[in-house]
């Protein structure tokens, strides 16, 4: 990794652990995103989005535009969905 990739990796790691992911899981996701960025893949993870709410038990603050279909604050988001690379109509980049 170059310096910019290391800085981005470190910022993502902090964001992901702050959102309740275990350190090992956060490291694996941050590493996965290095590969994604290098490939110019435009899919995203929920922890990169400003609308992800909660820590460990997540909900989407933009659930309607995201197309989740129900009030996500009531049902929560599955871990598998939160850590899956995906296209989301409700995505908004979390500022660094």
N, C-alpha and C. Protein backbone atom coordinates (compact mmCIF):
# COMPACT_ATOMS: atom_id res chain seq x y z
N UNK A 1 0.84 -1.19 0.00
CA UNK A 1 0.00 0.00 0.00
C UNK A 1 0.89 1.25 0.00
N UNK A 2 0.41 2.27 -0.70
CA UNK A 2 1.13 3.53 -0.67
C UNK A 2 0.63 4.37 0.52
N UNK A 3 1.20 5.55 0.71
CA UNK A 3 0.87 6.37 1.87
C UNK A 3 -0.61 6.76 1.91
N UNK A 4 -1.16 7.15 0.78
CA UNK A 4 -2.58 7.53 0.74
C UNK A 4 -3.48 6.33 1.08
N UNK A 5 -3.14 5.16 0.57
CA UNK A 5 -3.93 3.96 0.87
C UNK A 5 -3.83 3.60 2.35
N UNK A 6 -2.67 3.78 2.93
CA UNK A 6 -2.49 3.49 4.37
C UNK A 6 -3.33 4.46 5.20
N UNK A 7 -3.31 5.73 4.85
CA UNK A 7 -4.11 6.72 5.57
C UNK A 7 -5.60 6.41 5.47
N UNK A 8 -6.04 6.05 4.28
CA UNK A 8 -7.45 5.70 4.07
C UNK A 8 -7.81 4.43 4.85
N UNK A 9 -6.93 3.43 4.80
CA UNK A 9 -7.13 2.18 5.54
C UNK A 9 -7.30 2.48 7.03
N UNK A 10 -6.43 3.31 7.57
CA UNK A 10 -6.45 3.64 9.00
C UNK A 10 -7.74 4.37 9.38
N UNK A 11 -8.17 5.31 8.53
CA UNK A 11 -9.42 6.04 8.80
C UNK A 11 -10.61 5.09 8.76
N UNK A 12 -10.61 4.19 7.79
CA UNK A 12 -11.71 3.23 7.68
C UNK A 12 -11.73 2.29 8.88
N UNK A 13 -10.57 1.84 9.28
CA UNK A 13 -10.48 0.94 10.43
C UNK A 13 -11.09 1.59 11.66
N UNK A 14 -10.76 2.85 11.89
CA UNK A 14 -11.33 3.57 13.03
C UNK A 14 -12.84 3.70 12.90
N UNK A 15 -13.33 4.05 11.72
CA UNK A 15 -14.77 4.20 11.50
C UNK A 15 -15.50 2.88 11.74
N UNK A 16 -14.95 1.80 11.19
CA UNK A 16 -15.60 0.51 11.29
C UNK A 16 -15.64 0.00 12.74
N UNK A 17 -14.56 0.18 13.47
CA UNK A 17 -14.56 -0.25 14.88
C UNK A 17 -15.47 0.65 15.72
N UNK A 18 -15.52 1.94 15.38
CA UNK A 18 -16.44 2.85 16.07
C UNK A 18 -17.89 2.46 15.86
N UNK A 19 -18.18 1.82 14.72
CA UNK A 19 -19.53 1.37 14.42
C UNK A 19 -19.83 -0.02 14.99
N UNK A 20 -18.88 -0.58 15.74
CA UNK A 20 -19.16 -1.82 16.45
C UNK A 20 -18.61 -3.09 15.83
N UNK A 21 -17.86 -2.97 14.74
CA UNK A 21 -17.26 -4.17 14.15
C UNK A 21 -16.04 -4.59 14.96
N UNK A 22 -15.85 -5.88 15.11
CA UNK A 22 -14.66 -6.40 15.78
C UNK A 22 -13.43 -6.00 14.98
N UNK A 23 -12.30 -5.83 15.64
CA UNK A 23 -11.08 -5.38 14.99
C UNK A 23 -10.71 -6.26 13.80
N UNK A 24 -10.78 -7.58 13.95
CA UNK A 24 -10.45 -8.49 12.84
C UNK A 24 -11.38 -8.27 11.65
N UNK A 25 -12.66 -8.13 11.91
CA UNK A 25 -13.63 -7.89 10.84
C UNK A 25 -13.40 -6.53 10.18
N UNK A 26 -13.11 -5.52 11.00
CA UNK A 26 -12.86 -4.18 10.48
C UNK A 26 -11.62 -4.16 9.60
N UNK A 27 -10.56 -4.86 10.02
CA UNK A 27 -9.33 -4.93 9.22
C UNK A 27 -9.58 -5.63 7.89
N UNK A 28 -10.34 -6.71 7.93
CA UNK A 28 -10.63 -7.45 6.70
C UNK A 28 -11.44 -6.59 5.73
N UNK A 29 -12.41 -5.83 6.25
CA UNK A 29 -13.21 -4.97 5.38
C UNK A 29 -12.38 -3.81 4.82
N UNK A 30 -11.56 -3.20 5.66
CA UNK A 30 -10.73 -2.10 5.19
C UNK A 30 -9.76 -2.59 4.11
N UNK A 31 -9.23 -3.78 4.28
CA UNK A 31 -8.34 -4.36 3.28
C UNK A 31 -9.10 -4.65 1.98
N UNK A 32 -10.31 -5.16 2.12
CA UNK A 32 -11.16 -5.44 0.95
C UNK A 32 -11.42 -4.16 0.15
N UNK A 33 -11.56 -3.04 0.86
CA UNK A 33 -11.82 -1.78 0.20
C UNK A 33 -10.60 -1.23 -0.54
N UNK A 34 -9.41 -1.58 -0.09
CA UNK A 34 -8.20 -1.21 -0.84
C UNK A 34 -8.27 -1.84 -2.23
N UNK A 35 -8.62 -3.11 -2.27
CA UNK A 35 -8.76 -3.82 -3.55
C UNK A 35 -9.89 -3.21 -4.37
N UNK A 36 -11.00 -2.90 -3.73
CA UNK A 36 -12.14 -2.28 -4.42
C UNK A 36 -11.73 -0.95 -5.05
N UNK A 37 -11.02 -0.14 -4.29
CA UNK A 37 -10.62 1.17 -4.79
C UNK A 37 -9.66 1.04 -5.98
N UNK A 38 -8.75 0.12 -5.89
CA UNK A 38 -7.80 -0.08 -6.98
C UNK A 38 -8.49 -0.54 -8.26
N UNK A 39 -9.59 -1.26 -8.12
CA UNK A 39 -10.34 -1.77 -9.28
C UNK A 39 -11.39 -0.77 -9.78
N UNK A 40 -11.47 0.39 -9.13
CA UNK A 40 -12.49 1.40 -9.48
C UNK A 40 -13.90 0.83 -9.41
N UNK A 41 -14.13 -0.06 -8.46
CA UNK A 41 -15.44 -0.64 -8.21
C UNK A 41 -16.26 0.41 -7.45
N UNK A 42 -17.47 0.71 -7.90
CA UNK A 42 -18.27 1.76 -7.26
C UNK A 42 -19.27 1.24 -6.23
N UNK A 43 -19.15 -0.02 -5.85
CA UNK A 43 -20.02 -0.53 -4.78
C UNK A 43 -19.52 0.00 -3.44
N UNK A 44 -20.41 0.03 -2.46
CA UNK A 44 -20.12 0.59 -1.15
C UNK A 44 -20.52 -0.34 -0.03
N UNK A 45 -20.02 -0.03 1.15
CA UNK A 45 -20.42 -0.71 2.39
C UNK A 45 -21.23 0.27 3.23
N UNK A 46 -22.18 -0.24 3.97
CA UNK A 46 -22.96 0.61 4.85
C UNK A 46 -22.10 1.44 5.82
N UNK A 47 -21.03 0.88 6.41
CA UNK A 47 -20.23 1.69 7.33
C UNK A 47 -19.52 2.89 6.69
N UNK A 48 -19.52 2.95 5.36
CA UNK A 48 -18.96 4.12 4.68
C UNK A 48 -20.00 5.23 4.53
N UNK A 49 -21.24 4.95 4.88
CA UNK A 49 -22.36 5.86 4.63
C UNK A 49 -22.71 6.66 5.88
N UNK A 50 -23.01 7.93 5.64
CA UNK A 50 -23.40 8.82 6.73
C UNK A 50 -24.73 8.40 7.37
N UNK A 51 -25.54 7.64 6.65
CA UNK A 51 -26.87 7.27 7.13
C UNK A 51 -26.88 6.04 8.05
N UNK A 52 -25.75 5.34 8.16
CA UNK A 52 -25.73 4.17 9.06
C UNK A 52 -25.79 4.66 10.50
N UNK A 53 -26.76 4.18 11.22
CA UNK A 53 -26.97 4.58 12.61
C UNK A 53 -26.76 3.40 13.53
N UNK A 54 -26.32 3.70 14.73
CA UNK A 54 -26.15 2.68 15.75
C UNK A 54 -24.73 2.14 15.79
N UNK A 55 -24.50 1.32 16.80
CA UNK A 55 -23.21 0.68 17.00
C UNK A 55 -23.48 -0.80 17.25
N UNK A 56 -23.12 -1.64 16.29
CA UNK A 56 -23.34 -3.07 16.43
C UNK A 56 -24.75 -3.51 16.07
N UNK A 57 -25.73 -2.77 16.50
CA UNK A 57 -27.12 -2.99 16.09
C UNK A 57 -27.48 -1.78 15.25
N UNK A 58 -27.48 -1.99 13.95
CA UNK A 58 -27.54 -0.88 13.01
C UNK A 58 -28.93 -0.66 12.44
N UNK A 59 -29.14 0.57 12.00
CA UNK A 59 -30.33 0.93 11.22
C UNK A 59 -29.89 1.94 10.17
N UNK A 60 -30.75 2.17 9.21
CA UNK A 60 -30.47 3.09 8.13
C UNK A 60 -31.33 4.34 8.29
N UNK A 61 -30.68 5.48 8.38
CA UNK A 61 -31.39 6.74 8.51
C UNK A 61 -32.01 7.21 7.20
N UNK A 62 -31.74 6.52 6.12
CA UNK A 62 -32.28 6.86 4.81
C UNK A 62 -32.93 5.62 4.19
N UNK A 63 -33.62 4.87 5.02
CA UNK A 63 -34.15 3.55 4.65
C UNK A 63 -35.08 3.59 3.45
N UNK A 64 -35.86 4.66 3.31
CA UNK A 64 -36.83 4.70 2.21
C UNK A 64 -36.11 4.83 0.86
N UNK A 65 -35.19 5.78 0.74
CA UNK A 65 -34.46 5.95 -0.51
C UNK A 65 -33.55 4.75 -0.78
N UNK A 66 -33.04 4.15 0.27
CA UNK A 66 -32.17 2.98 0.12
C UNK A 66 -32.94 1.76 -0.39
N UNK A 67 -34.26 1.81 -0.26
CA UNK A 67 -35.08 0.72 -0.77
C UNK A 67 -35.12 -0.49 0.14
N UNK A 68 -34.92 -0.26 1.42
CA UNK A 68 -34.95 -1.38 2.36
C UNK A 68 -36.37 -1.91 2.53
N UNK A 69 -37.37 -1.04 2.39
CA UNK A 69 -38.75 -1.49 2.32
C UNK A 69 -39.55 -1.38 3.60
N UNK A 70 -38.89 -1.31 4.74
CA UNK A 70 -39.60 -1.12 6.00
C UNK A 70 -38.81 -0.10 6.81
N UNK A 71 -39.42 0.38 7.82
CA UNK A 71 -38.71 1.34 8.68
C UNK A 71 -37.57 0.59 9.36
N UNK A 72 -36.36 0.80 8.86
CA UNK A 72 -35.20 0.05 9.32
C UNK A 72 -34.89 0.29 10.79
N UNK A 73 -35.26 1.44 11.32
CA UNK A 73 -35.01 1.70 12.73
C UNK A 73 -35.78 0.73 13.61
N UNK A 74 -36.91 0.24 13.11
CA UNK A 74 -37.70 -0.71 13.87
C UNK A 74 -37.15 -2.14 13.76
N UNK A 75 -36.63 -2.48 12.59
CA UNK A 75 -36.22 -3.86 12.36
C UNK A 75 -34.72 -4.08 12.47
N UNK A 76 -33.94 -3.05 12.28
CA UNK A 76 -32.49 -3.19 12.27
C UNK A 76 -31.99 -3.76 10.95
N UNK A 77 -30.70 -3.63 10.74
CA UNK A 77 -30.07 -4.15 9.53
C UNK A 77 -29.25 -5.38 9.88
N UNK A 78 -29.34 -6.39 9.06
CA UNK A 78 -28.57 -7.61 9.28
C UNK A 78 -27.08 -7.34 9.07
N UNK A 79 -26.26 -7.96 9.87
CA UNK A 79 -24.81 -7.83 9.75
C UNK A 79 -24.34 -8.12 8.34
N UNK A 80 -24.91 -9.14 7.73
CA UNK A 80 -24.51 -9.54 6.38
C UNK A 80 -24.74 -8.42 5.37
N UNK A 81 -25.84 -7.69 5.53
CA UNK A 81 -26.14 -6.58 4.63
C UNK A 81 -25.17 -5.42 4.86
N UNK A 82 -24.88 -5.12 6.09
CA UNK A 82 -24.02 -3.99 6.44
C UNK A 82 -22.61 -4.16 5.90
N UNK A 83 -22.12 -5.39 5.83
CA UNK A 83 -20.73 -5.62 5.40
C UNK A 83 -20.63 -6.10 3.95
N UNK A 84 -21.74 -6.03 3.19
CA UNK A 84 -21.76 -6.49 1.80
C UNK A 84 -21.52 -5.31 0.86
N UNK A 85 -20.58 -5.47 -0.07
CA UNK A 85 -20.41 -4.46 -1.11
C UNK A 85 -21.68 -4.44 -1.95
N UNK A 86 -22.23 -3.23 -2.17
CA UNK A 86 -23.50 -3.11 -2.86
C UNK A 86 -23.68 -1.72 -3.45
N UNK A 87 -24.63 -1.60 -4.34
CA UNK A 87 -25.07 -0.31 -4.84
C UNK A 87 -26.29 0.08 -4.02
N UNK A 88 -26.34 1.32 -3.59
CA UNK A 88 -27.45 1.78 -2.75
C UNK A 88 -27.87 3.17 -3.20
N UNK A 89 -29.13 3.30 -3.54
CA UNK A 89 -29.65 4.60 -3.99
C UNK A 89 -29.65 5.65 -2.88
N UNK A 90 -29.58 5.21 -1.64
CA UNK A 90 -29.59 6.15 -0.52
C UNK A 90 -28.23 6.46 0.05
N UNK A 91 -27.17 5.96 -0.58
CA UNK A 91 -25.81 6.12 -0.06
C UNK A 91 -25.35 7.58 -0.10
N UNK A 92 -24.69 8.02 0.98
CA UNK A 92 -24.02 9.31 1.01
C UNK A 92 -22.71 9.10 1.77
N UNK A 93 -21.62 9.46 1.14
CA UNK A 93 -20.27 9.26 1.69
C UNK A 93 -20.12 9.90 3.06
N UNK A 94 -19.56 9.13 3.98
CA UNK A 94 -19.20 9.64 5.30
C UNK A 94 -17.96 10.52 5.13
N UNK A 95 -17.99 11.72 5.67
CA UNK A 95 -16.80 12.59 5.55
C UNK A 95 -15.67 12.01 6.38
N UNK A 96 -14.48 12.24 5.92
CA UNK A 96 -13.30 11.67 6.61
C UNK A 96 -12.77 12.59 7.65
